[in-house]
Amino acid sequence: QVQLVESGGGSVQAGGSLSLSCRASGRTFSSYGSVAWFRQAPGKDREFVAAVRRSGGYKYYADSVKGRFTIFRNNAENMVNLQMNTLKPEDTAVYYCAVGSPILSAIRDSNLYTTWGQGTQVTVSF
């Protein structure tokens, strides 16, 4: 069973940057088809942010973060990072890392991810 731990959250002003990390223990990320980041703002449903496939070569982003966020794998350290630039107040949420093996067409479906981290808070102020 894999355990996921997120880190790197915090508070930043609009236009700033943060880098989130997700570290796996127990199993490697290569055991799963995809590693993804989701987020949940107060009073809202959990939403897809970004995902990377096992190979690391295929990456997918929500339209709301495309061009601002970058997901990448660090296989040597068994980590997946999410670099977030040009942050906006609407990016404020708890960010979760998750692993699973959804088919490509369903990569944004949170129900298909089997293991989740505890989340890390990101707060972007005006």
N, C-alpha and C. Protein backbone atom coordinates (compact mmCIF):
# COMPACT_ATOMS: atom_id res chain seq x y z
N GLN A 1 0.84 -1.18 0.00
CA GLN A 1 0.00 0.00 0.00
C GLN A 1 0.89 1.25 0.00
N VAL A 2 0.60 2.16 -0.88
CA VAL A 2 1.39 3.38 -0.97
C VAL A 2 0.83 4.42 -0.01
N GLN A 3 1.71 5.22 0.53
CA GLN A 3 1.31 6.39 1.31
C GLN A 3 1.81 7.63 0.58
N LEU A 4 0.97 8.66 0.55
CA LEU A 4 1.32 9.89 -0.15
C LEU A 4 1.34 11.04 0.85
N VAL A 5 2.37 11.86 0.75
CA VAL A 5 2.48 13.02 1.62
C VAL A 5 2.77 14.24 0.77
N GLU A 6 1.89 15.24 0.87
CA GLU A 6 2.08 16.49 0.14
C GLU A 6 2.81 17.50 1.03
N SER A 7 3.50 18.39 0.38
CA SER A 7 4.16 19.48 1.10
C SER A 7 4.30 20.66 0.15
N GLY A 8 4.63 21.81 0.71
CA GLY A 8 4.91 22.99 -0.11
C GLY A 8 3.82 24.02 -0.16
N GLY A 9 2.68 23.73 0.47
CA GLY A 9 1.61 24.72 0.47
C GLY A 9 1.99 25.93 1.31
N GLY A 10 1.15 26.95 1.22
CA GLY A 10 1.39 28.15 1.99
C GLY A 10 0.54 29.30 1.50
N SER A 11 0.92 30.49 1.90
CA SER A 11 0.20 31.70 1.51
C SER A 11 1.08 32.56 0.63
N VAL A 12 0.48 33.11 -0.41
CA VAL A 12 1.22 33.93 -1.35
C VAL A 12 0.29 34.98 -1.92
N GLN A 13 0.85 36.07 -2.38
CA GLN A 13 0.04 37.09 -3.02
C GLN A 13 -0.22 36.73 -4.48
N ALA A 14 -1.27 37.27 -5.03
CA ALA A 14 -1.60 37.04 -6.42
C ALA A 14 -0.41 37.39 -7.31
N GLY A 15 -0.16 36.53 -8.28
CA GLY A 15 0.98 36.71 -9.16
C GLY A 15 2.22 35.96 -8.70
N GLY A 16 2.18 35.44 -7.49
CA GLY A 16 3.33 34.72 -6.95
C GLY A 16 3.35 33.27 -7.38
N SER A 17 4.31 32.53 -6.82
CA SER A 17 4.52 31.13 -7.18
C SER A 17 4.66 30.25 -5.94
N LEU A 18 4.28 29.01 -6.09
CA LEU A 18 4.48 27.98 -5.07
C LEU A 18 4.82 26.68 -5.79
N SER A 19 5.55 25.83 -5.10
CA SER A 19 5.86 24.52 -5.64
C SER A 19 5.40 23.47 -4.65
N LEU A 20 4.51 22.61 -5.08
CA LEU A 20 4.01 21.53 -4.24
C LEU A 20 4.76 20.24 -4.57
N SER A 21 4.95 19.42 -3.56
CA SER A 21 5.59 18.12 -3.75
C SER A 21 4.71 17.02 -3.19
N CYS A 22 4.74 15.89 -3.84
CA CYS A 22 4.05 14.69 -3.37
C CYS A 22 5.07 13.57 -3.32
N ARG A 23 5.29 13.08 -2.14
CA ARG A 23 6.27 12.00 -1.97
C ARG A 23 5.53 10.70 -1.67
N ALA A 24 5.95 9.63 -2.33
CA ALA A 24 5.34 8.32 -2.11
C ALA A 24 6.26 7.44 -1.28
N SER A 25 5.65 6.65 -0.42
CA SER A 25 6.41 5.63 0.32
C SER A 25 5.60 4.34 0.31
N GLY A 26 6.29 3.24 0.45
CA GLY A 26 5.62 1.95 0.42
C GLY A 26 5.63 1.32 -0.96
N ARG A 27 5.35 2.11 -1.96
CA ARG A 27 5.41 1.69 -3.36
C ARG A 27 5.88 2.88 -4.18
N THR A 28 6.35 2.59 -5.35
CA THR A 28 6.80 3.68 -6.22
C THR A 28 5.65 4.15 -7.10
N PHE A 29 5.79 5.37 -7.60
CA PHE A 29 4.78 5.91 -8.49
C PHE A 29 4.65 5.08 -9.76
N SER A 30 5.70 4.39 -10.14
CA SER A 30 5.66 3.60 -11.37
C SER A 30 4.69 2.42 -11.27
N SER A 31 4.22 2.14 -10.05
CA SER A 31 3.23 1.07 -9.87
C SER A 31 1.85 1.49 -10.35
N TYR A 32 1.67 2.77 -10.65
CA TYR A 32 0.38 3.31 -11.01
C TYR A 32 0.43 3.96 -12.38
N GLY A 33 -0.70 3.93 -13.07
CA GLY A 33 -0.74 4.52 -14.40
C GLY A 33 -0.60 6.02 -14.40
N SER A 34 -1.16 6.68 -13.37
CA SER A 34 -1.17 8.13 -13.34
C SER A 34 -0.98 8.65 -11.92
N VAL A 35 -0.36 9.81 -11.84
CA VAL A 35 -0.30 10.57 -10.60
C VAL A 35 -0.96 11.91 -10.91
N ALA A 36 -1.84 12.35 -10.04
CA ALA A 36 -2.61 13.56 -10.32
C ALA A 36 -2.66 14.47 -9.11
N TRP A 37 -2.91 15.73 -9.42
CA TRP A 37 -3.22 16.72 -8.39
C TRP A 37 -4.67 17.15 -8.57
N PHE A 38 -5.37 17.20 -7.46
CA PHE A 38 -6.73 17.74 -7.42
C PHE A 38 -6.74 18.85 -6.38
N ARG A 39 -7.80 19.63 -6.38
CA ARG A 39 -7.93 20.67 -5.36
C ARG A 39 -9.40 20.81 -4.97
N GLN A 40 -9.59 21.30 -3.77
CA GLN A 40 -10.95 21.52 -3.28
C GLN A 40 -10.99 22.82 -2.50
N ALA A 41 -11.79 23.74 -2.99
CA ALA A 41 -12.00 25.02 -2.32
C ALA A 41 -13.21 24.89 -1.40
N PRO A 42 -13.30 25.74 -0.39
CA PRO A 42 -14.43 25.67 0.54
C PRO A 42 -15.76 25.77 -0.18
N GLY A 43 -16.66 24.83 0.11
CA GLY A 43 -17.98 24.85 -0.47
C GLY A 43 -18.06 24.38 -1.90
N LYS A 44 -16.94 23.88 -2.43
CA LYS A 44 -16.92 23.43 -3.82
C LYS A 44 -16.51 21.97 -3.91
N ASP A 45 -16.83 21.36 -5.04
CA ASP A 45 -16.42 19.97 -5.28
C ASP A 45 -14.93 19.90 -5.56
N ARG A 46 -14.39 18.72 -5.31
CA ARG A 46 -12.99 18.50 -5.66
C ARG A 46 -12.85 18.55 -7.18
N GLU A 47 -11.82 19.22 -7.67
CA GLU A 47 -11.63 19.35 -9.10
C GLU A 47 -10.23 18.95 -9.53
N PHE A 48 -10.17 18.46 -10.74
CA PHE A 48 -8.91 18.04 -11.33
C PHE A 48 -8.03 19.25 -11.62
N VAL A 49 -6.73 19.10 -11.37
CA VAL A 49 -5.77 20.16 -11.67
C VAL A 49 -4.80 19.72 -12.75
N ALA A 50 -4.11 18.60 -12.51
CA ALA A 50 -3.10 18.14 -13.45
C ALA A 50 -2.81 16.67 -13.21
N ALA A 51 -2.31 16.00 -14.23
CA ALA A 51 -1.93 14.59 -14.10
C ALA A 51 -0.76 14.28 -15.01
N VAL A 52 0.01 13.30 -14.60
CA VAL A 52 1.13 12.83 -15.41
C VAL A 52 1.06 11.31 -15.47
N ARG A 53 1.30 10.77 -16.66
CA ARG A 53 1.26 9.33 -16.85
C ARG A 53 2.56 8.70 -16.36
N ARG A 54 2.53 7.38 -16.26
CA ARG A 54 3.65 6.62 -15.73
C ARG A 54 4.96 6.97 -16.41
N SER A 55 4.91 7.11 -17.72
CA SER A 55 6.14 7.39 -18.47
C SER A 55 6.69 8.77 -18.20
N GLY A 56 5.83 9.66 -17.71
CA GLY A 56 6.25 11.03 -17.49
C GLY A 56 6.14 11.90 -18.72
N GLY A 57 5.92 11.28 -19.87
CA GLY A 57 5.89 12.04 -21.11
C GLY A 57 4.55 12.66 -21.43
N TYR A 58 3.50 12.16 -20.84
CA TYR A 58 2.16 12.68 -21.12
C TYR A 58 1.65 13.41 -19.89
N LYS A 59 1.27 14.66 -20.10
CA LYS A 59 0.79 15.50 -19.01
C LYS A 59 -0.53 16.14 -19.41
N TYR A 60 -1.40 16.32 -18.43
CA TYR A 60 -2.73 16.86 -18.70
C TYR A 60 -3.05 17.92 -17.65
N TYR A 61 -3.72 18.96 -18.09
CA TYR A 61 -4.01 20.08 -17.21
C TYR A 61 -5.46 20.52 -17.35
N ALA A 62 -6.01 21.02 -16.26
CA ALA A 62 -7.30 21.70 -16.34
C ALA A 62 -7.10 22.99 -17.11
N ASP A 63 -8.13 23.39 -17.83
CA ASP A 63 -8.02 24.62 -18.62
C ASP A 63 -7.69 25.82 -17.73
N SER A 64 -8.18 25.80 -16.51
CA SER A 64 -8.00 26.94 -15.62
C SER A 64 -6.55 27.14 -15.18
N VAL A 65 -5.72 26.10 -15.32
CA VAL A 65 -4.32 26.23 -14.87
C VAL A 65 -3.32 26.07 -16.01
N LYS A 66 -3.82 25.74 -17.20
CA LYS A 66 -2.92 25.51 -18.33
C LYS A 66 -2.09 26.76 -18.61
N GLY A 67 -0.80 26.56 -18.78
CA GLY A 67 0.10 27.68 -19.02
C GLY A 67 0.66 28.31 -17.76
N ARG A 68 0.08 27.98 -16.62
CA ARG A 68 0.55 28.53 -15.35
C ARG A 68 1.14 27.46 -14.44
N PHE A 69 0.59 26.26 -14.50
CA PHE A 69 1.04 25.15 -13.65
C PHE A 69 1.80 24.14 -14.51
N THR A 70 2.78 23.49 -13.88
CA THR A 70 3.53 22.42 -14.54
C THR A 70 3.67 21.25 -13.58
N ILE A 71 3.32 20.06 -14.06
CA ILE A 71 3.48 18.85 -13.26
C ILE A 71 4.68 18.08 -13.81
N PHE A 72 5.50 17.55 -12.92
CA PHE A 72 6.62 16.77 -13.40
C PHE A 72 7.03 15.74 -12.36
N ARG A 73 7.62 14.67 -12.85
CA ARG A 73 8.00 13.54 -12.01
C ARG A 73 9.49 13.60 -11.72
N ASN A 74 9.84 13.23 -10.50
CA ASN A 74 11.23 13.05 -10.10
C ASN A 74 11.34 11.60 -9.65
N ASN A 75 11.60 10.73 -10.61
CA ASN A 75 11.60 9.29 -10.31
C ASN A 75 12.70 8.90 -9.34
N ALA A 76 13.81 9.60 -9.38
CA ALA A 76 14.93 9.25 -8.50
C ALA A 76 14.54 9.41 -7.04
N GLU A 77 13.70 10.39 -6.76
CA GLU A 77 13.27 10.64 -5.38
C GLU A 77 11.84 10.19 -5.13
N ASN A 78 11.23 9.54 -6.11
CA ASN A 78 9.85 9.06 -5.98
C ASN A 78 8.91 10.19 -5.57
N MET A 79 9.02 11.28 -6.32
CA MET A 79 8.20 12.46 -6.04
C MET A 79 7.55 12.95 -7.32
N VAL A 80 6.43 13.60 -7.15
CA VAL A 80 5.78 14.33 -8.24
C VAL A 80 5.55 15.74 -7.75
N ASN A 81 5.96 16.70 -8.53
CA ASN A 81 5.87 18.10 -8.15
C ASN A 81 4.86 18.85 -9.00
N LEU A 82 4.33 19.91 -8.42
CA LEU A 82 3.42 20.79 -9.14
C LEU A 82 3.94 22.21 -8.96
N GLN A 83 4.51 22.76 -10.01
CA GLN A 83 5.00 24.13 -9.99
C GLN A 83 3.85 25.04 -10.38
N MET A 84 3.52 25.97 -9.51
CA MET A 84 2.38 26.85 -9.74
C MET A 84 2.88 28.29 -9.85
N ASN A 85 2.70 28.87 -11.00
CA ASN A 85 3.12 30.25 -11.25
C ASN A 85 1.91 31.14 -11.53
N THR A 86 2.13 32.43 -11.42
CA THR A 86 1.08 33.41 -11.69
C THR A 86 -0.21 33.02 -10.97
N LEU A 87 -0.08 32.78 -9.69
CA LEU A 87 -1.23 32.32 -8.91
C LEU A 87 -2.30 33.39 -8.81
N LYS A 88 -3.54 32.94 -8.74
CA LYS A 88 -4.70 33.80 -8.64
C LYS A 88 -5.47 33.47 -7.37
N PRO A 89 -6.24 34.40 -6.86
CA PRO A 89 -7.04 34.10 -5.66
C PRO A 89 -7.94 32.88 -5.84
N GLU A 90 -8.42 32.67 -7.04
CA GLU A 90 -9.30 31.51 -7.29
C GLU A 90 -8.55 30.18 -7.26
N ASP A 91 -7.22 30.22 -7.14
CA ASP A 91 -6.45 28.98 -6.96
C ASP A 91 -6.43 28.55 -5.50
N THR A 92 -6.96 29.36 -4.61
CA THR A 92 -7.00 29.02 -3.20
C THR A 92 -7.82 27.75 -2.97
N ALA A 93 -7.19 26.76 -2.33
CA ALA A 93 -7.84 25.47 -2.12
C ALA A 93 -6.90 24.58 -1.33
N VAL A 94 -7.42 23.45 -0.91
CA VAL A 94 -6.56 22.37 -0.42
C VAL A 94 -6.20 21.51 -1.63
N TYR A 95 -4.92 21.28 -1.81
CA TYR A 95 -4.42 20.52 -2.95
C TYR A 95 -4.06 19.11 -2.50
N TYR A 96 -4.54 18.13 -3.27
CA TYR A 96 -4.34 16.73 -2.96
C TYR A 96 -3.59 16.03 -4.08
N CYS A 97 -2.70 15.16 -3.69
CA CYS A 97 -2.03 14.27 -4.62
C CYS A 97 -2.75 12.92 -4.59
N ALA A 98 -2.85 12.26 -5.74
CA ALA A 98 -3.55 10.98 -5.80
C ALA A 98 -2.90 10.09 -6.86
N VAL A 99 -3.03 8.79 -6.66
CA VAL A 99 -2.53 7.82 -7.65
C VAL A 99 -3.65 6.87 -8.05
N GLY A 100 -3.55 6.40 -9.26
CA GLY A 100 -4.52 5.45 -9.78
C GLY A 100 -4.13 5.05 -11.18
N SER A 101 -4.99 4.26 -11.80
CA SER A 101 -4.72 3.82 -13.17
C SER A 101 -5.96 3.99 -14.04
N PRO A 102 -6.46 5.21 -14.14
CA PRO A 102 -7.61 5.43 -15.00
C PRO A 102 -7.22 5.34 -16.47
N ILE A 103 -8.19 5.02 -17.31
CA ILE A 103 -7.91 5.09 -18.74
C ILE A 103 -7.75 6.55 -19.12
N LEU A 104 -7.12 6.77 -20.25
CA LEU A 104 -6.75 8.12 -20.64
C LEU A 104 -7.95 9.07 -20.69
N SER A 105 -9.06 8.60 -21.21
CA SER A 105 -10.23 9.46 -21.36
C SER A 105 -10.86 9.83 -20.02
N ALA A 106 -10.48 9.12 -18.96
CA ALA A 106 -11.07 9.37 -17.64
C ALA A 106 -10.03 9.88 -16.66
N ILE A 107 -8.95 10.41 -17.14
CA ILE A 107 -7.84 10.78 -16.26
C ILE A 107 -8.22 11.90 -15.31
N ARG A 108 -9.28 12.63 -15.60
CA ARG A 108 -9.71 13.74 -14.74
C ARG A 108 -10.74 13.31 -13.70
N ASP A 109 -11.11 12.05 -13.70
CA ASP A 109 -12.16 11.54 -12.81
C ASP A 109 -11.57 11.15 -11.46
N SER A 110 -11.88 11.90 -10.42
CA SER A 110 -11.30 11.64 -9.10
C SER A 110 -11.73 10.29 -8.54
N ASN A 111 -12.87 9.77 -9.00
CA ASN A 111 -13.35 8.49 -8.47
C ASN A 111 -12.45 7.32 -8.87
N LEU A 112 -11.59 7.53 -9.86
CA LEU A 112 -10.75 6.44 -10.36
C LEU A 112 -9.35 6.45 -9.73
N TYR A 113 -9.15 7.31 -8.78
CA TYR A 113 -7.86 7.34 -8.07
C TYR A 113 -8.04 6.66 -6.72
N THR A 114 -7.13 5.76 -6.41
CA THR A 114 -7.35 4.84 -5.29
C THR A 114 -6.72 5.29 -3.98
N THR A 115 -5.68 6.09 -4.06
CA THR A 115 -4.98 6.51 -2.84
C THR A 115 -4.74 8.00 -2.90
N TRP A 116 -4.97 8.66 -1.77
CA TRP A 116 -4.87 10.11 -1.69
C TRP A 116 -3.97 10.51 -0.53
N GLY A 117 -3.33 11.66 -0.70
CA GLY A 117 -2.61 12.25 0.40
C GLY A 117 -3.56 13.02 1.30
N GLN A 118 -3.00 13.64 2.33
CA GLN A 118 -3.82 14.34 3.32
C GLN A 118 -4.15 15.76 2.88
N GLY A 119 -3.46 16.26 1.88
CA GLY A 119 -3.73 17.59 1.36
C GLY A 119 -2.82 18.65 1.95
N THR A 120 -2.63 19.71 1.19
CA THR A 120 -1.84 20.85 1.65
C THR A 120 -2.57 22.12 1.21
N GLN A 121 -2.64 23.09 2.11
CA GLN A 121 -3.41 24.31 1.88
C GLN A 121 -2.61 25.31 1.05
N VAL A 122 -3.26 25.85 0.04
CA VAL A 122 -2.69 26.94 -0.75
C VAL A 122 -3.66 28.11 -0.65
N THR A 123 -3.14 29.25 -0.23
CA THR A 123 -3.96 30.46 -0.09
C THR A 123 -3.32 31.59 -0.89
N VAL A 124 -4.10 32.15 -1.80
CA VAL A 124 -3.62 33.24 -2.65
C VAL A 124 -4.46 34.47 -2.34
N SER A 125 -3.80 35.53 -1.92
CA SER A 125 -4.50 36.74 -1.55
C SER A 125 -4.36 37.80 -2.63
N PHE A 126 -5.27 38.76 -2.60
CA PHE A 126 -5.24 39.84 -3.58
C PHE A 126 -4.06 40.76 -3.31
